[in-house]
Amino acid sequence: MATDFSRNARTSLDREYAYMAYGMIGGAVPGIVVGFVVAAFVGHAAMWLSVFGGIGIVLGLLTGILLHRRHRAAGELDHPQGSAAARE
């Protein structure tokens, strides 16, 4: 039962997970940078990194979900006949 993981994401759910993953990474990086800056002046680096990194991850996750929904809705508007491309 060999599975080919090298193929591109084909279903809407696969693309949604990709948007969520990119959003979480994209939110975590600025969150950690902000955590370092705050920790440089206040101290307690582990606390501030986890707080701002967590906030960044959650905001990135929500942004990824919203971007995927917007992208999917725009695709459905382009294909009003209900074709297979519009349903994914």
N, C-alpha and C. Protein backbone atom coordinates (compact mmCIF):
# COMPACT_ATOMS: atom_id res chain seq x y z
N MET A 1 0.84 -1.18 0.00
CA MET A 1 0.00 0.00 0.00
C MET A 1 0.89 1.24 0.00
N ALA A 2 1.54 1.49 -1.10
CA ALA A 2 2.42 2.64 -1.24
C ALA A 2 1.61 3.89 -1.52
N THR A 3 1.93 4.94 -0.83
CA THR A 3 1.26 6.22 -1.02
C THR A 3 2.26 7.21 -1.59
N ASP A 4 1.84 7.94 -2.61
CA ASP A 4 2.70 8.94 -3.23
C ASP A 4 2.44 10.28 -2.58
N PHE A 5 3.34 10.70 -1.68
CA PHE A 5 3.18 11.97 -1.00
C PHE A 5 3.76 13.13 -1.81
N SER A 6 4.34 12.85 -2.96
CA SER A 6 4.97 13.90 -3.74
C SER A 6 3.99 14.65 -4.64
N ARG A 7 2.79 14.11 -4.79
CA ARG A 7 1.80 14.79 -5.64
C ARG A 7 1.28 16.03 -4.95
N ASN A 8 0.86 17.00 -5.74
CA ASN A 8 0.32 18.23 -5.19
C ASN A 8 -1.02 17.98 -4.53
N ALA A 9 -1.38 18.85 -3.61
CA ALA A 9 -2.67 18.76 -2.94
C ALA A 9 -3.78 18.96 -3.98
N ARG A 10 -4.72 18.03 -4.01
CA ARG A 10 -5.74 18.07 -5.05
C ARG A 10 -7.12 18.44 -4.52
N THR A 11 -7.42 18.09 -3.32
CA THR A 11 -8.76 18.39 -2.81
C THR A 11 -8.76 19.72 -2.07
N SER A 12 -9.95 20.25 -1.88
CA SER A 12 -10.08 21.52 -1.17
C SER A 12 -9.60 21.39 0.27
N LEU A 13 -9.84 20.25 0.88
CA LEU A 13 -9.40 20.04 2.25
C LEU A 13 -7.88 20.03 2.35
N ASP A 14 -7.21 19.42 1.38
CA ASP A 14 -5.74 19.42 1.37
C ASP A 14 -5.21 20.83 1.22
N ARG A 15 -5.83 21.61 0.33
CA ARG A 15 -5.38 22.99 0.15
C ARG A 15 -5.66 23.82 1.40
N GLU A 16 -6.78 23.55 2.08
CA GLU A 16 -7.08 24.29 3.30
C GLU A 16 -6.04 24.00 4.37
N TYR A 17 -5.63 22.75 4.51
CA TYR A 17 -4.59 22.41 5.47
C TYR A 17 -3.27 23.10 5.12
N ALA A 18 -2.97 23.20 3.83
CA ALA A 18 -1.74 23.88 3.42
C ALA A 18 -1.81 25.37 3.78
N TYR A 19 -2.97 26.00 3.53
CA TYR A 19 -3.13 27.41 3.91
C TYR A 19 -2.97 27.57 5.43
N MET A 20 -3.53 26.64 6.20
CA MET A 20 -3.43 26.73 7.66
C MET A 20 -1.98 26.57 8.11
N ALA A 21 -1.25 25.65 7.52
CA ALA A 21 0.15 25.42 7.90
C ALA A 21 1.01 26.63 7.56
N TYR A 22 0.84 27.17 6.35
CA TYR A 22 1.62 28.36 5.97
C TYR A 22 1.26 29.54 6.86
N GLY A 23 -0.01 29.67 7.21
CA GLY A 23 -0.43 30.76 8.08
C GLY A 23 0.17 30.65 9.47
N MET A 24 0.20 29.42 10.01
CA MET A 24 0.78 29.24 11.34
C MET A 24 2.27 29.55 11.35
N ILE A 25 2.98 29.13 10.33
CA ILE A 25 4.41 29.43 10.25
C ILE A 25 4.61 30.93 10.06
N GLY A 26 3.79 31.51 9.18
CA GLY A 26 3.90 32.94 8.92
C GLY A 26 3.54 33.78 10.13
N GLY A 27 2.70 33.28 11.02
CA GLY A 27 2.37 34.01 12.24
C GLY A 27 3.35 33.77 13.36
N ALA A 28 3.94 32.58 13.40
CA ALA A 28 4.86 32.25 14.49
C ALA A 28 6.16 33.04 14.39
N VAL A 29 6.66 33.22 13.19
CA VAL A 29 7.95 33.90 13.02
C VAL A 29 7.89 35.34 13.54
N PRO A 30 6.91 36.17 13.11
CA PRO A 30 6.86 37.53 13.68
C PRO A 30 6.54 37.53 15.18
N GLY A 31 5.74 36.55 15.61
CA GLY A 31 5.44 36.47 17.04
C GLY A 31 6.68 36.20 17.88
N ILE A 32 7.54 35.34 17.40
CA ILE A 32 8.78 35.04 18.12
C ILE A 32 9.72 36.24 18.10
N VAL A 33 9.77 36.95 16.97
CA VAL A 33 10.61 38.14 16.90
C VAL A 33 10.12 39.19 17.90
N VAL A 34 8.81 39.40 17.95
CA VAL A 34 8.25 40.35 18.93
C VAL A 34 8.55 39.87 20.35
N GLY A 35 8.47 38.58 20.59
CA GLY A 35 8.80 38.03 21.90
C GLY A 35 10.24 38.31 22.29
N PHE A 36 11.16 38.17 21.33
CA PHE A 36 12.56 38.49 21.61
C PHE A 36 12.75 39.96 21.95
N VAL A 37 12.07 40.83 21.21
CA VAL A 37 12.21 42.27 21.46
C VAL A 37 11.67 42.63 22.84
N VAL A 38 10.50 42.11 23.18
CA VAL A 38 9.93 42.38 24.50
C VAL A 38 10.82 41.81 25.59
N ALA A 39 11.33 40.60 25.38
CA ALA A 39 12.18 39.97 26.39
C ALA A 39 13.49 40.71 26.58
N ALA A 40 13.98 41.40 25.55
CA ALA A 40 15.22 42.14 25.67
C ALA A 40 15.08 43.28 26.68
N PHE A 41 13.89 43.84 26.78
CA PHE A 41 13.67 44.97 27.68
C PHE A 41 13.06 44.55 29.02
N VAL A 42 12.26 43.49 29.03
CA VAL A 42 11.53 43.09 30.23
C VAL A 42 12.18 41.90 30.93
N GLY A 43 12.77 41.01 30.16
CA GLY A 43 13.31 39.77 30.72
C GLY A 43 12.33 38.62 30.56
N HIS A 44 12.62 37.48 31.14
CA HIS A 44 11.77 36.29 31.08
C HIS A 44 11.51 35.89 29.63
N ALA A 45 12.56 35.56 28.91
CA ALA A 45 12.48 35.29 27.48
C ALA A 45 11.52 34.15 27.15
N ALA A 46 11.58 33.06 27.91
CA ALA A 46 10.74 31.91 27.58
C ALA A 46 9.25 32.27 27.66
N MET A 47 8.89 33.06 28.65
CA MET A 47 7.49 33.44 28.80
C MET A 47 7.03 34.29 27.62
N TRP A 48 7.80 35.32 27.27
CA TRP A 48 7.37 36.22 26.21
C TRP A 48 7.40 35.56 24.85
N LEU A 49 8.38 34.68 24.62
CA LEU A 49 8.41 33.96 23.35
C LEU A 49 7.19 33.06 23.20
N SER A 50 6.81 32.38 24.27
CA SER A 50 5.66 31.49 24.18
C SER A 50 4.36 32.28 24.05
N VAL A 51 4.24 33.40 24.74
CA VAL A 51 3.02 34.20 24.66
C VAL A 51 2.85 34.78 23.25
N PHE A 52 3.86 35.51 22.77
CA PHE A 52 3.73 36.14 21.46
C PHE A 52 3.80 35.13 20.32
N GLY A 53 4.56 34.07 20.49
CA GLY A 53 4.58 33.01 19.47
C GLY A 53 3.23 32.34 19.36
N GLY A 54 2.59 32.07 20.50
CA GLY A 54 1.25 31.47 20.48
C GLY A 54 0.22 32.38 19.86
N ILE A 55 0.28 33.66 20.19
CA ILE A 55 -0.65 34.63 19.59
C ILE A 55 -0.42 34.69 18.08
N GLY A 56 0.83 34.69 17.66
CA GLY A 56 1.14 34.71 16.23
C GLY A 56 0.64 33.47 15.52
N ILE A 57 0.77 32.31 16.15
CA ILE A 57 0.30 31.07 15.54
C ILE A 57 -1.22 31.10 15.38
N VAL A 58 -1.94 31.53 16.39
CA VAL A 58 -3.40 31.58 16.31
C VAL A 58 -3.84 32.59 15.25
N LEU A 59 -3.23 33.77 15.23
CA LEU A 59 -3.59 34.76 14.21
C LEU A 59 -3.25 34.26 12.80
N GLY A 60 -2.13 33.60 12.65
CA GLY A 60 -1.77 33.04 11.36
C GLY A 60 -2.72 31.94 10.93
N LEU A 61 -3.15 31.11 11.87
CA LEU A 61 -4.12 30.06 11.56
C LEU A 61 -5.43 30.65 11.08
N LEU A 62 -5.93 31.65 11.80
CA LEU A 62 -7.18 32.29 11.39
C LEU A 62 -7.04 33.00 10.04
N THR A 63 -5.91 33.64 9.82
CA THR A 63 -5.68 34.30 8.54
C THR A 63 -5.62 33.29 7.40
N GLY A 64 -4.97 32.16 7.62
CA GLY A 64 -4.91 31.12 6.60
C GLY A 64 -6.28 30.57 6.26
N ILE A 65 -7.11 30.36 7.27
CA ILE A 65 -8.47 29.87 7.03
C ILE A 65 -9.28 30.89 6.23
N LEU A 66 -9.18 32.17 6.62
CA LEU A 66 -9.93 33.21 5.92
C LEU A 66 -9.45 33.37 4.48
N LEU A 67 -8.14 33.29 4.25
CA LEU A 67 -7.62 33.39 2.89
C LEU A 67 -8.09 32.23 2.03
N HIS A 68 -8.11 31.03 2.60
CA HIS A 68 -8.59 29.87 1.84
C HIS A 68 -10.06 30.02 1.49
N ARG A 69 -10.86 30.48 2.44
CA ARG A 69 -12.29 30.66 2.15
C ARG A 69 -12.51 31.73 1.09
N ARG A 70 -11.73 32.81 1.15
CA ARG A 70 -11.86 33.87 0.15
C ARG A 70 -11.44 33.35 -1.22
N HIS A 71 -10.35 32.59 -1.25
CA HIS A 71 -9.88 32.04 -2.52
C HIS A 71 -10.89 31.06 -3.09
N ARG A 72 -11.44 30.21 -2.24
CA ARG A 72 -12.43 29.24 -2.69
C ARG A 72 -13.70 29.92 -3.17
N ALA A 73 -14.15 30.97 -2.47
CA ALA A 73 -15.35 31.69 -2.88
C ALA A 73 -15.13 32.41 -4.21
N ALA A 74 -13.95 32.95 -4.42
CA ALA A 74 -13.65 33.60 -5.70
C ALA A 74 -13.65 32.59 -6.83
N GLY A 75 -13.18 31.40 -6.58
CA GLY A 75 -13.21 30.34 -7.59
C GLY A 75 -14.61 29.89 -7.92
N GLU A 76 -15.49 29.87 -6.93
CA GLU A 76 -16.88 29.49 -7.17
C GLU A 76 -17.60 30.55 -7.98
N LEU A 77 -17.23 31.82 -7.79
CA LEU A 77 -17.86 32.88 -8.57
C LEU A 77 -17.44 32.82 -10.03
N ASP A 78 -16.21 32.34 -10.28
CA ASP A 78 -15.73 32.24 -11.64
C ASP A 78 -16.40 31.09 -12.40
N HIS A 79 -16.90 30.09 -11.69
CA HIS A 79 -17.52 28.91 -12.30
C HIS A 79 -18.96 28.76 -11.79
N PRO A 80 -19.90 29.56 -12.26
CA PRO A 80 -21.25 29.52 -11.72
C PRO A 80 -22.05 28.27 -12.13
N GLN A 81 -21.58 27.47 -13.12
CA GLN A 81 -22.32 26.31 -13.53
C GLN A 81 -22.24 25.16 -12.55
N GLY A 82 -21.40 25.26 -11.54
CA GLY A 82 -21.26 24.18 -10.56
C GLY A 82 -20.36 23.08 -11.07
N SER A 83 -19.34 23.41 -11.81
CA SER A 83 -18.43 22.41 -12.33
C SER A 83 -17.59 21.82 -11.21
N ALA A 84 -16.79 20.83 -11.55
CA ALA A 84 -15.94 20.18 -10.55
C ALA A 84 -14.93 21.16 -9.97
N ALA A 85 -14.45 22.09 -10.78
CA ALA A 85 -13.48 23.07 -10.30
C ALA A 85 -14.11 23.98 -9.24
N ALA A 86 -15.39 24.27 -9.36
CA ALA A 86 -16.06 25.14 -8.39
C ALA A 86 -16.34 24.41 -7.09
N ARG A 87 -16.55 23.09 -7.15
CA ARG A 87 -16.87 22.36 -5.92
C ARG A 87 -15.65 22.10 -5.06
N GLU A 88 -14.45 22.14 -5.61
CA GLU A 88 -13.25 21.87 -4.82
C GLU A 88 -12.78 23.10 -4.12
